[in-house]
């Protein structure tokens, strides 16, 4: 695949859907996003290793523990996000990326640009969320 500069290239509806340039664009976007998450997680590890047992005030210790618990939950969500990013990269490699899992129709480039891990078209996602809401309300 050709080397695509993210700063200069933007996928367009005027070109063939999921051509090599678009695939490379989204692959780089996904890899950059994954790297940002991994970089953030390194700072989390450093923060979590700081010893707060020396904090004299019990309220400060409690606040510190709450912050750590919140940070761990955030990292867990990001760990799940990384697996979705990896799955999207695999779909690019197999040629399945950009197509709705439900309908097989192309997912809009605007949606993919905003949410590169999307697996459903906007319409299919809305149907899915409505069905989920109906079941939740039961």
N, C-alpha and C. Protein backbone atom coordinates (compact mmCIF):
# COMPACT_ATOMS: atom_id res chain seq x y z
N UNK A 1 0.83 -1.19 0.00
CA UNK A 1 0.00 0.00 0.00
C UNK A 1 0.87 1.25 0.00
N UNK A 2 0.40 2.26 -0.63
CA UNK A 2 1.15 3.51 -0.71
C UNK A 2 1.19 4.19 0.65
N UNK A 3 2.26 4.91 0.90
CA UNK A 3 2.38 5.65 2.14
C UNK A 3 1.49 6.89 2.06
N UNK A 4 0.55 7.01 2.99
CA UNK A 4 -0.42 8.10 2.96
C UNK A 4 -0.13 9.03 4.13
N UNK A 5 0.01 10.33 3.84
CA UNK A 5 0.21 11.32 4.88
C UNK A 5 -1.16 11.73 5.41
N UNK A 6 -1.44 11.41 6.68
CA UNK A 6 -2.75 11.72 7.26
C UNK A 6 -3.06 13.21 7.21
N UNK A 7 -2.05 14.05 7.29
CA UNK A 7 -2.28 15.49 7.31
C UNK A 7 -2.76 15.99 5.95
N UNK A 8 -2.40 15.31 4.89
CA UNK A 8 -2.71 15.79 3.55
C UNK A 8 -3.88 15.07 2.89
N UNK A 9 -4.12 13.84 3.24
CA UNK A 9 -5.14 13.04 2.56
C UNK A 9 -6.40 12.93 3.40
N UNK A 10 -7.53 13.08 2.73
CA UNK A 10 -8.82 12.87 3.38
C UNK A 10 -9.68 12.03 2.44
N UNK A 11 -10.19 10.89 2.90
CA UNK A 11 -11.00 10.05 2.03
C UNK A 11 -12.18 10.84 1.46
N UNK A 12 -12.52 10.54 0.23
CA UNK A 12 -13.57 11.27 -0.46
C UNK A 12 -14.57 10.31 -1.08
N UNK A 13 -15.82 10.74 -1.13
CA UNK A 13 -16.88 9.95 -1.77
C UNK A 13 -16.67 9.87 -3.28
N UNK A 14 -15.78 10.74 -3.82
CA UNK A 14 -15.53 10.78 -5.27
C UNK A 14 -14.60 9.67 -5.75
N UNK A 15 -14.01 8.93 -4.84
CA UNK A 15 -13.07 7.88 -5.23
C UNK A 15 -13.67 6.51 -4.91
N UNK A 16 -13.13 5.45 -5.50
CA UNK A 16 -13.66 4.12 -5.22
C UNK A 16 -13.60 3.81 -3.71
N UNK A 17 -14.69 3.22 -3.20
CA UNK A 17 -14.79 2.92 -1.77
C UNK A 17 -13.75 1.88 -1.37
N UNK A 18 -13.05 2.15 -0.28
CA UNK A 18 -12.03 1.29 0.31
C UNK A 18 -10.94 0.93 -0.69
N UNK A 19 -10.52 1.94 -1.45
CA UNK A 19 -9.35 1.74 -2.30
C UNK A 19 -8.10 1.68 -1.42
N UNK A 20 -6.96 1.44 -2.02
CA UNK A 20 -5.73 1.27 -1.23
C UNK A 20 -5.41 2.51 -0.38
N UNK A 21 -5.64 3.70 -0.93
CA UNK A 21 -5.34 4.92 -0.16
C UNK A 21 -6.24 5.01 1.07
N UNK A 22 -7.53 4.71 0.91
CA UNK A 22 -8.45 4.76 2.04
C UNK A 22 -8.08 3.71 3.09
N UNK A 23 -7.76 2.51 2.64
CA UNK A 23 -7.38 1.47 3.59
C UNK A 23 -6.14 1.88 4.39
N UNK A 24 -5.15 2.43 3.69
CA UNK A 24 -3.94 2.87 4.37
C UNK A 24 -4.23 4.02 5.33
N UNK A 25 -5.09 4.94 4.91
CA UNK A 25 -5.49 6.07 5.76
C UNK A 25 -6.10 5.57 7.07
N UNK A 26 -7.08 4.67 6.96
CA UNK A 26 -7.75 4.18 8.16
C UNK A 26 -6.83 3.30 9.01
N UNK A 27 -5.97 2.53 8.36
CA UNK A 27 -5.04 1.70 9.11
C UNK A 27 -4.09 2.57 9.93
N UNK A 28 -3.57 3.63 9.32
CA UNK A 28 -2.68 4.54 10.05
C UNK A 28 -3.42 5.26 11.16
N UNK A 29 -4.65 5.65 10.88
CA UNK A 29 -5.47 6.33 11.90
C UNK A 29 -5.67 5.40 13.11
N UNK A 30 -5.98 4.15 12.84
CA UNK A 30 -6.18 3.17 13.91
C UNK A 30 -4.88 2.91 14.68
N UNK A 31 -3.78 2.75 13.95
CA UNK A 31 -2.49 2.50 14.61
C UNK A 31 -2.07 3.69 15.47
N UNK A 32 -2.29 4.91 14.99
CA UNK A 32 -1.96 6.10 15.78
C UNK A 32 -2.82 6.18 17.05
N UNK A 33 -4.11 5.87 16.91
CA UNK A 33 -5.03 5.88 18.05
C UNK A 33 -4.58 4.85 19.08
N UNK A 34 -4.23 3.67 18.62
CA UNK A 34 -3.77 2.61 19.52
C UNK A 34 -2.51 3.05 20.25
N UNK A 35 -1.58 3.69 19.55
CA UNK A 35 -0.34 4.14 20.17
C UNK A 35 -0.61 5.19 21.24
N UNK A 36 -1.55 6.10 20.96
CA UNK A 36 -1.92 7.12 21.96
C UNK A 36 -2.44 6.45 23.24
N UNK A 37 -3.28 5.45 23.07
CA UNK A 37 -3.83 4.73 24.23
C UNK A 37 -2.72 4.03 25.00
N UNK A 38 -1.81 3.38 24.28
CA UNK A 38 -0.70 2.69 24.94
C UNK A 38 0.20 3.67 25.68
N UNK A 39 0.44 4.84 25.08
CA UNK A 39 1.26 5.86 25.75
C UNK A 39 0.58 6.34 27.03
N UNK A 40 -0.74 6.55 26.97
CA UNK A 40 -1.49 6.96 28.16
C UNK A 40 -1.43 5.89 29.25
N UNK A 41 -1.50 4.64 28.84
CA UNK A 41 -1.50 3.57 29.83
C UNK A 41 -0.15 3.48 30.55
N UNK A 42 0.91 3.86 29.88
CA UNK A 42 2.22 3.89 30.55
C UNK A 42 2.22 4.92 31.68
N UNK A 43 1.61 6.08 31.43
CA UNK A 43 1.55 7.09 32.50
C UNK A 43 0.66 6.61 33.63
N UNK A 44 -0.35 5.83 33.32
CA UNK A 44 -1.22 5.27 34.36
C UNK A 44 -0.42 4.33 35.27
N UNK A 45 0.40 3.50 34.64
CA UNK A 45 1.20 2.56 35.43
C UNK A 45 2.09 3.33 36.40
N UNK A 46 2.71 4.39 35.91
CA UNK A 46 3.57 5.20 36.78
C UNK A 46 2.76 5.80 37.92
N UNK A 47 1.58 6.35 37.59
CA UNK A 47 0.73 6.95 38.62
C UNK A 47 0.26 5.93 39.65
N UNK A 48 -0.07 4.74 39.19
CA UNK A 48 -0.56 3.72 40.11
C UNK A 48 0.55 3.19 41.02
N UNK A 49 1.78 3.29 40.57
CA UNK A 49 2.89 2.80 41.39
C UNK A 49 3.30 3.79 42.47
N UNK A 50 2.81 5.02 42.37
CA UNK A 50 3.14 6.00 43.41
C UNK A 50 2.52 5.55 44.72
N UNK A 51 3.28 5.62 45.75
CA UNK A 51 2.83 5.16 47.07
C UNK A 51 2.11 6.30 47.78
N UNK A 52 0.80 6.10 47.98
CA UNK A 52 0.01 7.12 48.65
C UNK A 52 -0.31 6.75 50.09
N UNK A 53 0.29 5.67 50.57
CA UNK A 53 0.02 5.28 51.95
C UNK A 53 0.63 6.27 52.93
N UNK A 54 1.52 7.12 52.45
CA UNK A 54 2.16 8.11 53.32
C UNK A 54 1.32 9.37 53.50
N UNK A 55 0.20 9.44 52.78
CA UNK A 55 -0.66 10.61 52.94
C UNK A 55 -1.21 10.62 54.36
N UNK A 56 -0.98 11.72 55.10
CA UNK A 56 -1.37 11.75 56.52
C UNK A 56 -2.88 11.80 56.72
N UNK A 57 -3.58 12.43 55.82
CA UNK A 57 -5.01 12.62 56.01
C UNK A 57 -5.78 11.46 55.38
N UNK A 58 -6.67 10.87 56.13
CA UNK A 58 -7.44 9.72 55.64
C UNK A 58 -8.33 10.12 54.46
N UNK A 59 -8.83 11.35 54.46
CA UNK A 59 -9.64 11.82 53.34
C UNK A 59 -8.79 11.91 52.07
N UNK A 60 -7.54 12.36 52.20
CA UNK A 60 -6.64 12.42 51.04
C UNK A 60 -6.35 11.03 50.51
N UNK A 61 -6.15 10.08 51.43
CA UNK A 61 -5.90 8.69 51.00
C UNK A 61 -7.12 8.13 50.29
N UNK A 62 -8.29 8.39 50.85
CA UNK A 62 -9.52 7.89 50.25
C UNK A 62 -9.73 8.49 48.86
N UNK A 63 -9.47 9.78 48.74
CA UNK A 63 -9.59 10.46 47.46
C UNK A 63 -8.61 9.86 46.45
N UNK A 64 -7.40 9.59 46.89
CA UNK A 64 -6.38 9.00 46.03
C UNK A 64 -6.80 7.61 45.57
N UNK A 65 -7.36 6.82 46.48
CA UNK A 65 -7.81 5.47 46.13
C UNK A 65 -8.96 5.53 45.13
N UNK A 66 -9.87 6.49 45.31
CA UNK A 66 -10.99 6.65 44.38
C UNK A 66 -10.47 7.01 42.99
N UNK A 67 -9.50 7.90 42.93
CA UNK A 67 -8.91 8.29 41.65
C UNK A 67 -8.24 7.09 40.98
N UNK A 68 -7.56 6.27 41.76
CA UNK A 68 -6.90 5.09 41.19
C UNK A 68 -7.94 4.11 40.64
N UNK A 69 -9.03 3.92 41.38
CA UNK A 69 -10.07 3.00 40.93
C UNK A 69 -10.70 3.49 39.63
N UNK A 70 -10.93 4.79 39.54
CA UNK A 70 -11.48 5.37 38.33
C UNK A 70 -10.51 5.21 37.16
N UNK A 71 -9.25 5.43 37.42
CA UNK A 71 -8.23 5.29 36.39
C UNK A 71 -8.15 3.84 35.90
N UNK A 72 -8.27 2.89 36.81
CA UNK A 72 -8.25 1.48 36.41
C UNK A 72 -9.46 1.13 35.54
N UNK A 73 -10.63 1.67 35.89
CA UNK A 73 -11.82 1.42 35.06
C UNK A 73 -11.63 2.02 33.66
N UNK A 74 -11.06 3.21 33.62
CA UNK A 74 -10.80 3.86 32.33
C UNK A 74 -9.84 3.02 31.51
N UNK A 75 -8.79 2.53 32.12
CA UNK A 75 -7.81 1.70 31.41
C UNK A 75 -8.45 0.40 30.93
N UNK A 76 -9.38 -0.15 31.71
CA UNK A 76 -10.04 -1.38 31.28
C UNK A 76 -10.87 -1.10 30.03
N UNK A 77 -11.56 0.03 30.00
CA UNK A 77 -12.32 0.40 28.80
C UNK A 77 -11.37 0.58 27.62
N UNK A 78 -10.22 1.17 27.88
CA UNK A 78 -9.26 1.38 26.80
C UNK A 78 -8.65 0.06 26.33
N UNK A 79 -8.49 -0.88 27.23
CA UNK A 79 -8.01 -2.21 26.84
C UNK A 79 -9.00 -2.85 25.87
N UNK A 80 -10.29 -2.71 26.17
CA UNK A 80 -11.32 -3.25 25.28
C UNK A 80 -11.32 -2.51 23.95
N UNK A 81 -11.06 -1.20 24.00
CA UNK A 81 -10.98 -0.39 22.79
C UNK A 81 -9.82 -0.85 21.91
N UNK A 82 -8.70 -1.17 22.53
CA UNK A 82 -7.55 -1.67 21.76
C UNK A 82 -7.91 -2.96 21.03
N UNK A 83 -8.67 -3.83 21.66
CA UNK A 83 -9.05 -5.07 20.97
C UNK A 83 -9.97 -4.76 19.79
N UNK A 84 -10.82 -3.72 19.92
CA UNK A 84 -11.67 -3.32 18.79
C UNK A 84 -10.82 -2.70 17.67
N UNK A 85 -9.80 -1.94 18.05
CA UNK A 85 -8.90 -1.36 17.06
C UNK A 85 -8.16 -2.48 16.32
N UNK A 86 -7.67 -3.46 17.07
CA UNK A 86 -6.97 -4.60 16.43
C UNK A 86 -7.91 -5.35 15.49
N UNK A 87 -9.16 -5.51 15.90
CA UNK A 87 -10.13 -6.20 15.04
C UNK A 87 -10.38 -5.39 13.76
N UNK A 88 -10.45 -4.06 13.88
CA UNK A 88 -10.65 -3.21 12.70
C UNK A 88 -9.45 -3.33 11.75
N UNK A 89 -8.24 -3.37 12.31
CA UNK A 89 -7.04 -3.52 11.47
C UNK A 89 -7.08 -4.88 10.75
N UNK A 90 -7.51 -5.92 11.44
CA UNK A 90 -7.64 -7.23 10.78
C UNK A 90 -8.67 -7.18 9.65
N UNK A 91 -9.78 -6.43 9.87
CA UNK A 91 -10.79 -6.31 8.82
C UNK A 91 -10.23 -5.57 7.60
N UNK A 92 -9.35 -4.59 7.84
CA UNK A 92 -8.71 -3.89 6.72
C UNK A 92 -7.89 -4.91 5.92
N UNK A 93 -7.15 -5.74 6.63
CA UNK A 93 -6.26 -6.71 5.97
C UNK A 93 -7.04 -7.79 5.22
N UNK A 94 -8.25 -8.10 5.69
CA UNK A 94 -9.05 -9.14 5.02
C UNK A 94 -10.02 -8.56 3.99
N UNK A 95 -10.09 -7.23 3.91
CA UNK A 95 -10.97 -6.60 2.94
C UNK A 95 -12.40 -6.41 3.42
N UNK A 96 -12.66 -6.67 4.69
CA UNK A 96 -14.01 -6.54 5.24
C UNK A 96 -14.27 -5.16 5.85
N UNK A 97 -13.21 -4.38 6.03
CA UNK A 97 -13.32 -3.09 6.71
C UNK A 97 -14.18 -2.12 5.89
N UNK A 98 -15.03 -1.36 6.61
CA UNK A 98 -15.83 -0.33 5.97
C UNK A 98 -17.19 -0.80 5.52
N UNK A 99 -17.47 -2.08 5.70
CA UNK A 99 -18.76 -2.62 5.29
C UNK A 99 -19.55 -3.04 6.53
N UNK A 100 -20.83 -2.72 6.53
CA UNK A 100 -21.72 -3.01 7.66
C UNK A 100 -21.81 -4.53 7.87
N UNK A 101 -21.60 -4.96 9.11
CA UNK A 101 -21.70 -6.38 9.44
C UNK A 101 -23.12 -6.91 9.26
N UNK A 102 -24.10 -6.02 9.40
CA UNK A 102 -25.49 -6.44 9.33
C UNK A 102 -26.02 -6.48 7.89
N UNK A 103 -25.72 -5.42 7.12
CA UNK A 103 -26.30 -5.30 5.78
C UNK A 103 -25.32 -5.56 4.65
N UNK A 104 -24.02 -5.48 4.94
CA UNK A 104 -23.02 -5.64 3.90
C UNK A 104 -22.81 -4.37 3.08
N UNK A 105 -23.58 -3.33 3.36
CA UNK A 105 -23.46 -2.06 2.65
C UNK A 105 -22.26 -1.28 3.18
N UNK A 106 -21.70 -0.40 2.34
CA UNK A 106 -20.59 0.44 2.82
C UNK A 106 -21.03 1.36 3.96
N UNK A 107 -20.17 1.51 4.96
CA UNK A 107 -20.39 2.46 6.05
C UNK A 107 -19.87 3.80 5.53
N UNK A 108 -20.57 4.88 5.81
CA UNK A 108 -20.16 6.17 5.25
C UNK A 108 -18.74 6.54 5.72
N UNK A 109 -18.01 7.19 4.83
CA UNK A 109 -16.64 7.62 5.15
C UNK A 109 -16.65 8.58 6.33
N UNK A 110 -17.67 9.44 6.42
CA UNK A 110 -17.75 10.38 7.54
C UNK A 110 -17.87 9.62 8.87
N UNK A 111 -18.68 8.56 8.87
CA UNK A 111 -18.84 7.76 10.09
C UNK A 111 -17.52 7.06 10.44
N UNK A 112 -16.88 6.47 9.44
CA UNK A 112 -15.61 5.78 9.68
C UNK A 112 -14.53 6.74 10.15
N UNK A 113 -14.54 7.96 9.61
CA UNK A 113 -13.55 8.93 10.02
C UNK A 113 -13.77 9.34 11.48
N UNK A 114 -15.04 9.48 11.87
CA UNK A 114 -15.37 9.85 13.25
C UNK A 114 -15.20 8.67 14.20
N UNK A 115 -15.52 7.46 13.75
CA UNK A 115 -15.45 6.26 14.58
C UNK A 115 -14.86 5.12 13.75
N UNK A 116 -13.52 5.10 13.63
CA UNK A 116 -12.89 4.12 12.74
C UNK A 116 -13.08 2.66 13.12
N UNK A 117 -13.62 2.39 14.31
CA UNK A 117 -13.87 1.00 14.70
C UNK A 117 -15.31 0.58 14.41
N UNK A 118 -16.09 1.46 13.78
CA UNK A 118 -17.49 1.16 13.50
C UNK A 118 -17.62 -0.12 12.67
N UNK A 119 -18.59 -0.94 13.04
CA UNK A 119 -18.85 -2.16 12.29
C UNK A 119 -20.25 -2.16 11.69
N UNK A 120 -21.03 -1.14 12.04
CA UNK A 120 -22.40 -1.04 11.54
C UNK A 120 -22.59 0.32 10.87
N UNK A 121 -23.42 0.35 9.83
CA UNK A 121 -23.77 1.63 9.23
C UNK A 121 -24.59 2.41 10.26
N UNK A 122 -24.74 3.69 10.03
CA UNK A 122 -25.49 4.52 10.96
C UNK A 122 -26.91 4.00 11.14
N UNK A 123 -27.55 3.61 10.04
CA UNK A 123 -28.93 3.11 10.11
C UNK A 123 -29.00 1.81 10.91
N UNK A 124 -28.06 0.90 10.65
CA UNK A 124 -28.04 -0.37 11.37
C UNK A 124 -27.74 -0.13 12.85
N UNK A 125 -26.85 0.80 13.16
CA UNK A 125 -26.53 1.13 14.55
C UNK A 125 -27.76 1.67 15.27
N UNK A 126 -28.50 2.55 14.59
CA UNK A 126 -29.71 3.11 15.19
C UNK A 126 -30.74 2.02 15.46
N UNK A 127 -30.91 1.09 14.50
CA UNK A 127 -31.84 -0.03 14.71
C UNK A 127 -31.39 -0.87 15.90
N UNK A 128 -30.09 -1.13 15.97
CA UNK A 128 -29.52 -1.92 17.06
C UNK A 128 -29.78 -1.25 18.41
N UNK A 129 -29.55 0.07 18.48
CA UNK A 129 -29.76 0.79 19.73
C UNK A 129 -31.23 0.85 20.12
N UNK A 130 -32.14 0.98 19.14
CA UNK A 130 -33.58 0.97 19.44
C UNK A 130 -33.98 -0.37 19.99
N UNK A 131 -33.50 -1.45 19.38
CA UNK A 131 -33.83 -2.80 19.85
C UNK A 131 -33.27 -3.02 21.25
N UNK A 132 -32.08 -2.52 21.50
CA UNK A 132 -31.47 -2.64 22.82
C UNK A 132 -32.29 -1.90 23.87
N UNK A 133 -32.79 -0.72 23.52
CA UNK A 133 -33.58 0.09 24.43
C UNK A 133 -34.90 -0.62 24.74
N UNK A 134 -35.53 -1.21 23.73
CA UNK A 134 -36.78 -1.93 23.94
C UNK A 134 -36.58 -3.08 24.92
N UNK A 135 -35.48 -3.84 24.74
CA UNK A 135 -35.21 -4.96 25.63
C UNK A 135 -34.86 -4.49 27.04
N UNK A 136 -34.19 -3.36 27.15
CA UNK A 136 -33.82 -2.82 28.45
C UNK A 136 -35.05 -2.36 29.22
N UNK A 137 -36.04 -1.85 28.49
CA UNK A 137 -37.25 -1.33 29.13
C UNK A 137 -38.19 -2.44 29.59
N UNK A 138 -37.95 -3.68 29.11
CA UNK A 138 -38.83 -4.82 29.49
C UNK A 138 -38.66 -5.17 30.94
